[in-house]
Amino acid sequence: ELLEAFEEAKSVKQKPTVIIAHTVKGKGVSFMEHVVDFHGRAPTEKEKEGALKELEELDKIIEKREPDE
């Protein structure tokens, strides 16, 4: 959806455009997802390590998926 929105925005001339994305804060990290406290503050070193570990696992799952899945 975002790629389509970017392409459409490129075609608009003579006026500003905006793309509003409804996102999930902390998506992909179990202890950060939907937790407002993580919006606007940096994670601690321990939190960062845990988040990176979870994201690395998620990346492995994504790499195994078939294209266009």
Protein backbone atom coordinates (compact mmCIF):
# COMPACT_ATOMS: atom_id res chain seq x y z
CA GLU A 1 0.00 0.00 0.00
CA LEU A 2 2.78 2.43 0.81
CA LEU A 3 4.56 1.89 -2.49
CA GLU A 4 1.32 2.61 -4.33
CA ALA A 5 0.83 5.76 -2.26
CA PHE A 6 4.36 6.94 -3.05
CA GLU A 7 3.81 6.43 -6.76
CA GLU A 8 0.49 8.27 -6.65
CA ALA A 9 2.04 11.13 -4.67
CA LYS A 10 4.77 11.52 -7.30
CA SER A 11 2.12 12.14 -9.94
CA VAL A 12 0.52 15.04 -8.06
CA LYS A 13 1.90 18.35 -9.32
CA GLN A 14 1.37 21.97 -8.32
CA LYS A 15 0.24 21.18 -4.76
CA PRO A 16 1.60 19.50 -1.65
CA THR A 17 0.75 15.89 -0.88
CA VAL A 18 0.70 13.91 2.32
CA ILE A 19 0.71 10.20 3.08
CA ILE A 20 -0.78 9.16 6.39
CA ALA A 21 0.39 5.75 7.57
CA HIS A 22 -1.43 4.04 10.40
CA THR A 23 1.44 2.26 12.09
CA VAL A 24 1.97 0.20 15.21
CA LYS A 25 4.56 1.52 17.65
CA GLY A 26 7.21 -1.10 18.31
CA LYS A 27 5.85 -3.54 15.71
CA GLY A 28 7.76 -6.81 15.78
CA VAL A 29 9.12 -6.48 19.31
CA SER A 30 6.84 -8.21 21.82
CA PHE A 31 7.53 -5.98 24.81
CA MET A 32 7.44 -2.73 22.79
CA GLU A 33 4.43 -3.29 20.55
CA HIS A 34 1.55 -0.92 21.42
CA VAL A 35 3.48 0.42 24.45
CA VAL A 36 3.35 4.21 24.38
CA ASP A 37 6.28 4.49 26.83
CA PHE A 38 8.65 3.49 24.02
CA HIS A 39 7.51 6.37 21.83
CA GLY A 40 9.85 9.25 22.51
CA ARG A 41 12.48 7.54 24.63
CA ALA A 42 15.43 5.40 23.76
CA PRO A 43 15.44 1.81 24.99
CA THR A 44 17.90 0.78 27.66
CA GLU A 45 20.87 -1.32 26.58
CA LYS A 46 19.10 -4.48 27.82
CA GLU A 47 15.88 -3.53 25.98
CA LYS A 48 17.85 -2.78 22.83
CA GLU A 49 19.56 -6.17 22.94
CA GLY A 50 16.22 -7.95 23.43
CA ALA A 51 14.59 -5.98 20.63
CA LEU A 52 17.43 -6.68 18.20
CA LYS A 53 17.27 -10.39 19.02
CA GLU A 54 13.52 -10.49 18.30
CA LEU A 55 13.92 -8.51 15.08
CA GLU A 56 16.72 -10.81 13.90
CA GLU A 57 14.42 -13.80 14.44
CA LEU A 58 11.65 -12.03 12.53
CA ASP A 59 14.08 -11.27 9.71
CA LYS A 60 14.97 -14.98 9.44
CA ILE A 61 11.28 -15.86 9.13
CA ILE A 62 10.73 -13.21 6.45
CA GLU A 63 13.76 -14.40 4.45
CA LYS A 64 12.34 -17.95 4.37
CA ARG A 65 8.99 -16.81 2.96
CA GLU A 66 8.19 -17.16 -0.70
CA PRO A 67 8.23 -13.95 -2.77
CA ASP A 68 4.79 -12.31 -3.05
CA GLU A 69 3.53 -14.31 -0.06
